[in-house]
Amino acid sequence: MPSVTSLAIAPPVRDAIASGAAVVALESAVITHGLPKAAAMDAVRQQWAACEKANVTPAVVAVFDGELRVGLTIDECASLAARADAVKVSPWNLAAALVSPGFGGTTVAATIVAASKAGIRVISTGGIGGVHPGNGQDVSSDVTELGRQPVCVVCAGPKSTLDAGSTLERLETLGVPVIGWRSSLLAGFLATSAGLRLPVRAETLEDLASMVSRHWQLGGAGVVVSQPLLGDLAIPWSELAGDEATTAKGPDRTPAELSQLQARLGDRVIRANVALLERNAALAAQVALALNHRG
C-alpha cells in the first residue's frame, strides 16, 4: 500500500484494495459546489448504493480535516456538504487546501490524483471538465490529469457549458480515448447527446474492459467512458445551449455557469444531475469488476 503524506485511506477501502476487490472512487466537488445540500446527499447515497449493489466498494474522495481522504462515510459527506468554508479542490490548490481550510470537494482532477496514489483505477463522476468557450486558454485540469494517470473515468460527457468539440480535440491530443458506452455520440451531460460522433464505442463490458486494459498495457494514461443520460430526465440540447456567460474566472467559472443554468431551467437540472450520477456509478462498478476479472 502506498505511503503518501496527507493521504488517508479509510480502512474498508484500504482492505478492499489490498484484497484485490473492486473499488470505485467518487469525486466530491458535486457535494460542495455542484448541487444543493439535500440533492447532493441524495446523489451520494444513490451512487453509494449503486456500487454496493454490485459488491463494489465506493470511495468518496475529499479534503477532510486536513487530509486528502479516500473513503468518506455518509456522515462525513453530510458534514462536508454543510461546511460553508469548503473549497473546490484541484491539483493546483490541493496542498494549500490541506493547510487551510482543511476541507474541500475534489474535482475529477484531484480525485484522479488521490485515486492513483491509492491504487484505484476507476472513477465515477457526472460530467468532466474541459475547454471553456472562448480562446481555448481556459481549460480544466481534468483533461491534464487524464493525460497523466492510468485511470478510467466514467461520466456523462463534458459539462454542458463547455466547448465539447474543443474538449474532444484536447483529449485526443493528450492521447486520451473517449469510448461511447453503447452509443457513437458523445454524451451531452444533462442532455442525451452533444451531437458529436465518437470513433469508438463498446457494446459489452468485456469489450470495454479489453479496450481500457490494452490501452494501459500500451503505456496509455487516462480513458473516458461516455454514458448518455436516457429517458425523460434528459434535457434537450437546444434548451441547454443558452448563454450562461459569467464574469467568474478560473475554478469559480463552472460552478457559476451551472448555477445560472439551474436558475434558468429549474429543478430539471438537479433531477437529471442526480440520475446521471447514479447511472455512472452503476456502470463504473461494472467496469471495475470487469477490469478485475481481466487481472
Protein backbone atom coordinates (compact mmCIF):
# COMPACT_ATOMS: atom_id res chain seq x y z
CA MET A 1 0.00 0.00 0.00
CA PRO A 2 1.45 3.38 -0.94
CA SER A 3 2.52 5.68 1.89
CA VAL A 4 1.91 9.32 0.99
CA THR A 5 1.99 12.27 3.36
CA SER A 6 -1.52 13.68 3.96
CA LEU A 7 -3.19 10.79 2.10
CA ALA A 8 -5.55 8.85 4.35
CA ILE A 9 -7.28 5.74 3.03
CA ALA A 10 -10.30 4.58 5.04
CA PRO A 11 -10.00 1.02 6.41
CA PRO A 12 -12.81 -0.50 4.27
CA VAL A 13 -11.27 0.98 1.13
CA ARG A 14 -7.75 0.00 2.14
CA ASP A 15 -8.86 -3.57 2.84
CA ALA A 16 -10.68 -3.80 -0.49
CA ILE A 17 -7.63 -2.57 -2.40
CA ALA A 18 -5.31 -4.92 -0.52
CA SER A 19 -7.52 -7.91 -1.26
CA GLY A 20 -7.82 -7.06 -4.95
CA ALA A 21 -11.55 -6.30 -4.71
CA ALA A 22 -13.16 -3.74 -6.99
CA VAL A 23 -13.29 -0.12 -5.82
CA VAL A 24 -14.79 2.97 -7.47
CA ALA A 25 -13.64 6.47 -6.49
CA LEU A 26 -16.32 9.18 -6.34
CA GLU A 27 -15.50 12.88 -6.63
CA SER A 28 -16.88 15.29 -4.04
CA ALA A 29 -16.92 18.69 -5.75
CA VAL A 30 -20.51 17.87 -6.61
CA ILE A 31 -21.20 17.79 -2.85
CA THR A 32 -19.60 21.14 -2.11
CA HIS A 33 -20.12 23.08 -5.33
CA GLY A 34 -22.33 21.13 -7.73
CA LEU A 35 -25.70 20.57 -6.10
CA PRO A 36 -27.80 21.95 -3.23
CA LYS A 37 -27.08 20.10 0.02
CA ALA A 38 -30.18 17.87 0.04
CA ALA A 39 -29.75 16.88 -3.60
CA ALA A 40 -26.01 16.36 -3.11
CA MET A 41 -26.61 13.94 -0.26
CA ASP A 42 -29.30 12.15 -2.26
CA ALA A 43 -26.77 11.76 -5.08
CA VAL A 44 -24.11 10.44 -2.70
CA ARG A 45 -26.47 7.83 -1.26
CA GLN A 46 -27.62 6.70 -4.70
CA GLN A 47 -24.05 6.39 -6.02
CA TRP A 48 -23.06 4.52 -2.87
CA ALA A 49 -26.00 2.13 -3.22
CA ALA A 50 -25.26 1.54 -6.92
CA CYS A 51 -21.71 0.46 -6.06
CA GLU A 52 -22.71 -1.72 -3.13
CA LYS A 53 -25.42 -3.41 -5.20
CA ALA A 54 -22.61 -4.66 -7.46
CA ASN A 55 -20.49 -5.68 -4.45
CA VAL A 56 -18.04 -2.89 -5.23
CA THR A 57 -16.60 -0.59 -2.55
CA PRO A 58 -17.39 3.12 -3.04
CA ALA A 59 -14.62 5.54 -2.06
CA VAL A 60 -15.68 9.19 -1.80
CA VAL A 61 -12.57 11.36 -2.16
CA ALA A 62 -12.30 14.75 -0.44
CA VAL A 63 -10.09 17.04 1.57
CA PHE A 64 -11.33 16.43 5.09
CA ASP A 65 -9.87 17.66 8.36
CA GLY A 66 -6.52 18.48 6.78
CA GLU A 67 -6.12 15.17 4.94
CA LEU A 68 -6.64 14.00 1.39
CA ARG A 69 -9.17 11.36 2.35
CA VAL A 70 -10.04 8.35 0.19
CA GLY A 71 -13.21 6.87 1.62
CA LEU A 72 -15.51 9.28 3.45
CA THR A 73 -18.50 7.89 5.33
CA ILE A 74 -22.01 9.11 4.55
CA ASP A 75 -21.98 11.15 7.76
CA GLU A 76 -18.67 12.74 6.77
CA CYS A 77 -20.13 13.59 3.36
CA ALA A 78 -23.03 15.33 5.11
CA SER A 79 -20.58 17.22 7.31
CA LEU A 80 -18.63 18.31 4.22
CA ALA A 81 -21.82 19.43 2.46
CA ALA A 82 -22.71 21.60 5.46
CA ARG A 83 -19.41 23.49 5.53
CA ALA A 84 -19.60 26.98 4.06
CA ASP A 85 -15.80 27.22 4.02
CA ALA A 86 -15.18 24.08 1.92
CA VAL A 87 -13.21 24.94 -1.20
CA LYS A 88 -13.23 23.44 -4.67
CA VAL A 89 -10.04 21.39 -4.83
CA SER A 90 -7.97 20.78 -7.95
CA PRO A 91 -4.30 19.76 -8.18
CA TRP A 92 -3.10 23.36 -8.25
CA ASN A 93 -4.58 24.20 -4.81
CA LEU A 94 -4.63 20.74 -3.24
CA ALA A 95 -1.64 21.30 -0.94
CA ALA A 96 -2.94 24.71 0.15
CA ALA A 97 -6.41 23.32 0.85
CA LEU A 98 -4.93 20.68 3.15
CA VAL A 99 -3.50 23.50 5.26
CA SER A 100 -6.40 25.95 5.09
CA PRO A 101 -9.34 25.50 5.37
CA GLY A 102 -8.62 21.76 5.54
CA PHE A 103 -11.93 20.87 3.91
CA GLY A 104 -12.87 20.75 0.23
CA GLY A 105 -14.62 18.91 -2.55
CA THR A 106 -12.29 17.28 -5.06
CA THR A 107 -12.75 17.84 -8.76
CA VAL A 108 -12.23 14.97 -11.18
CA ALA A 109 -8.58 16.06 -11.50
CA ALA A 110 -7.91 15.99 -7.75
CA THR A 111 -9.86 12.74 -7.44
CA ILE A 112 -7.63 11.22 -10.14
CA VAL A 113 -4.56 12.27 -8.14
CA ALA A 114 -5.87 10.65 -4.95
CA ALA A 115 -7.21 7.54 -6.66
CA SER A 116 -3.94 6.94 -8.50
CA LYS A 117 -1.93 7.24 -5.29
CA ALA A 118 -4.32 4.87 -3.52
CA GLY A 119 -4.26 2.29 -6.32
CA ILE A 120 -7.83 2.82 -7.57
CA ARG A 121 -8.28 2.58 -11.34
CA VAL A 122 -11.95 3.54 -11.86
CA ILE A 123 -13.59 6.88 -11.08
CA SER A 124 -17.21 7.90 -11.47
CA THR A 125 -18.45 11.45 -11.90
CA GLY A 126 -21.25 13.43 -13.52
CA GLY A 127 -19.53 15.42 -16.23
CA ILE A 128 -15.83 16.05 -16.75
CA GLY A 129 -14.28 19.48 -17.07
CA GLY A 130 -12.80 20.56 -20.35
CA VAL A 131 -12.26 23.52 -22.64
CA HIS A 132 -14.42 26.57 -21.98
CA PRO A 133 -15.81 28.60 -24.89
CA GLY A 134 -13.56 31.44 -25.96
CA ASN A 135 -9.92 31.49 -26.92
CA GLY A 136 -9.23 27.94 -25.71
CA GLN A 137 -6.97 29.07 -22.85
CA ASP A 138 -9.41 28.28 -20.02
CA VAL A 139 -9.00 24.51 -19.72
CA SER A 140 -9.89 22.26 -16.81
CA SER A 141 -7.07 20.32 -15.19
CA ASP A 142 -9.36 17.28 -15.50
CA VAL A 143 -8.06 16.78 -19.04
CA THR A 144 -4.45 17.32 -17.94
CA GLU A 145 -4.65 14.64 -15.25
CA LEU A 146 -6.39 12.28 -17.67
CA GLY A 147 -3.33 12.67 -19.87
CA ARG A 148 -1.04 11.75 -16.96
CA GLN A 149 -2.63 8.95 -14.95
CA PRO A 150 -3.82 5.46 -15.99
CA VAL A 151 -7.40 5.73 -14.76
CA CYS A 152 -10.81 5.13 -16.28
CA VAL A 153 -13.34 7.92 -15.72
CA VAL A 154 -17.00 7.09 -16.30
CA CYS A 155 -19.03 10.21 -17.00
CA ALA A 156 -21.91 11.70 -18.97
CA GLY A 157 -19.56 13.66 -21.22
CA PRO A 158 -18.17 17.17 -20.68
CA LYS A 159 -20.30 19.57 -18.66
CA SER A 160 -22.87 21.23 -20.88
CA THR A 161 -21.44 24.76 -20.51
CA LEU A 162 -18.15 23.69 -22.13
CA ASP A 163 -16.96 23.59 -25.73
CA ALA A 164 -17.49 19.87 -26.30
CA GLY A 165 -15.73 19.80 -29.66
CA SER A 166 -12.60 21.51 -28.37
CA THR A 167 -12.63 19.26 -25.32
CA LEU A 168 -12.65 16.17 -27.54
CA GLU A 169 -9.78 17.57 -29.58
CA ARG A 170 -7.75 18.32 -26.45
CA LEU A 171 -8.29 14.81 -25.11
CA GLU A 172 -7.22 13.37 -28.47
CA THR A 173 -4.04 15.45 -28.37
CA LEU A 174 -3.28 14.07 -24.91
CA GLY A 175 -3.82 10.50 -26.10
CA VAL A 176 -6.98 10.00 -24.04
CA PRO A 177 -9.56 7.79 -25.78
CA VAL A 178 -13.24 8.62 -25.30
CA ILE A 179 -15.28 5.43 -25.57
CA GLY A 180 -19.02 5.67 -26.11
CA TRP A 181 -20.96 3.21 -23.97
CA ARG A 182 -23.48 1.72 -26.40
CA SER A 183 -23.51 4.99 -28.31
CA SER A 184 -21.50 6.53 -31.15
CA LEU A 185 -22.31 10.06 -29.96
CA LEU A 186 -20.61 11.98 -27.18
CA ALA A 187 -22.90 12.19 -24.15
CA GLY A 188 -24.20 15.71 -23.52
CA PHE A 189 -24.03 15.69 -19.71
CA LEU A 190 -27.63 16.73 -18.87
CA ALA A 191 -28.65 16.02 -22.48
CA THR A 192 -28.57 12.63 -24.17
CA SER A 193 -26.04 13.77 -26.74
CA ALA A 194 -23.71 16.66 -27.51
CA GLY A 195 -24.17 15.86 -31.20
CA LEU A 196 -20.54 14.87 -31.80
CA ARG A 197 -19.55 11.47 -33.15
CA LEU A 198 -17.10 9.25 -31.32
CA PRO A 199 -14.78 6.94 -33.25
CA VAL A 200 -15.00 4.16 -30.65
CA ARG A 201 -17.96 2.54 -28.90
CA ALA A 202 -18.39 -0.52 -26.71
CA GLU A 203 -21.46 -2.71 -26.57
CA THR A 204 -20.35 -5.12 -23.85
CA LEU A 205 -18.45 -4.82 -20.59
CA GLU A 206 -15.98 -7.39 -21.89
CA ASP A 207 -15.15 -5.24 -24.91
CA LEU A 208 -14.98 -2.07 -22.81
CA ALA A 209 -12.64 -3.63 -20.25
CA SER A 210 -10.49 -5.06 -23.05
CA MET A 211 -10.09 -1.62 -24.65
CA VAL A 212 -9.22 0.02 -21.34
CA SER A 213 -6.75 -2.64 -20.20
CA ARG A 214 -5.00 -2.79 -23.58
CA HIS A 215 -4.70 1.00 -23.61
CA TRP A 216 -2.86 0.76 -20.30
CA GLN A 217 -0.73 -2.16 -21.48
CA LEU A 218 0.41 0.01 -24.38
CA GLY A 219 1.51 2.73 -21.98
CA GLY A 220 -1.58 4.91 -22.27
CA ALA A 221 -2.87 7.03 -19.42
CA GLY A 222 -6.49 8.06 -18.86
CA VAL A 223 -9.61 6.72 -20.55
CA VAL A 224 -13.01 8.41 -20.63
CA VAL A 225 -16.18 6.32 -20.85
CA SER A 226 -19.09 8.40 -22.11
CA GLN A 227 -22.52 7.19 -20.96
CA PRO A 228 -25.53 9.15 -22.26
CA LEU A 229 -28.43 10.04 -19.98
CA LEU A 230 -31.54 8.50 -21.50
CA GLY A 231 -35.25 8.91 -20.91
CA ASP A 232 -37.48 11.74 -19.80
CA LEU A 233 -34.91 13.15 -17.38
CA ALA A 234 -32.57 14.14 -20.20
CA ILE A 235 -32.85 17.80 -21.18
CA PRO A 236 -32.86 18.62 -24.92
CA TRP A 237 -29.54 20.07 -26.07
CA SER A 238 -31.32 23.07 -27.56
CA GLU A 239 -32.50 24.07 -24.09
CA LEU A 240 -29.02 23.73 -22.62
CA ALA A 241 -27.44 25.91 -25.30
CA GLY A 242 -28.43 29.20 -23.69
CA ASP A 243 -25.92 31.92 -22.91
CA GLU A 244 -24.54 31.15 -19.46
CA ALA A 245 -21.88 33.84 -19.71
CA THR A 246 -20.38 34.83 -16.36
CA THR A 247 -17.68 37.14 -15.11
CA ALA A 248 -16.34 34.34 -12.90
CA LYS A 249 -12.92 33.04 -13.84
CA GLY A 250 -10.77 30.01 -13.07
CA PRO A 251 -12.20 27.47 -10.61
CA ASP A 252 -15.30 29.58 -9.96
CA ARG A 253 -16.38 29.64 -13.60
CA THR A 254 -18.00 26.21 -13.96
CA PRO A 255 -19.97 26.36 -10.65
CA ALA A 256 -21.22 29.83 -11.62
CA GLU A 257 -22.30 28.70 -15.08
CA LEU A 258 -24.05 25.60 -13.73
CA SER A 259 -25.79 27.73 -11.11
CA GLN A 260 -27.08 30.04 -13.84
CA LEU A 261 -28.21 27.03 -15.85
CA GLN A 262 -30.11 25.71 -12.85
CA ALA A 263 -31.72 29.11 -12.29
CA ARG A 264 -32.88 29.13 -15.90
CA LEU A 265 -34.14 25.53 -16.14
CA GLY A 266 -35.12 24.87 -12.52
CA ASP A 267 -35.22 21.53 -10.73
CA ARG A 268 -34.96 19.62 -14.02
CA VAL A 269 -31.22 20.24 -13.86
CA ILE A 270 -30.99 18.77 -10.35
CA ARG A 271 -33.07 15.70 -11.18
CA ALA A 272 -31.04 15.00 -14.32
CA ASN A 273 -27.76 15.50 -12.46
CA VAL A 274 -28.68 13.10 -9.65
CA ALA A 275 -29.91 10.50 -12.15
CA LEU A 276 -26.76 10.55 -14.26
CA LEU A 277 -24.54 10.35 -11.18
CA GLU A 278 -26.32 7.17 -10.10
CA ARG A 279 -26.19 5.66 -13.61
CA ASN A 280 -22.50 6.45 -13.97
CA ALA A 281 -21.67 4.93 -10.60
CA ALA A 282 -23.54 1.75 -11.55
CA LEU A 283 -21.62 1.47 -14.82
CA ALA A 284 -18.32 2.33 -13.14
CA ALA A 285 -18.88 -0.50 -10.66
CA GLN A 286 -19.39 -2.95 -13.51
CA VAL A 287 -16.30 -1.64 -15.29
CA ALA A 288 -14.22 -2.07 -12.12
CA LEU A 289 -15.42 -5.66 -11.78
CA ALA A 290 -14.69 -6.39 -15.44
CA LEU A 291 -11.17 -4.94 -15.17
CA ASN A 292 -10.52 -7.01 -12.05
CA HIS A 293 -11.68 -10.11 -13.89
CA ARG A 294 -9.06 -9.43 -16.56
CA GLY A 295 -6.39 -9.10 -13.88
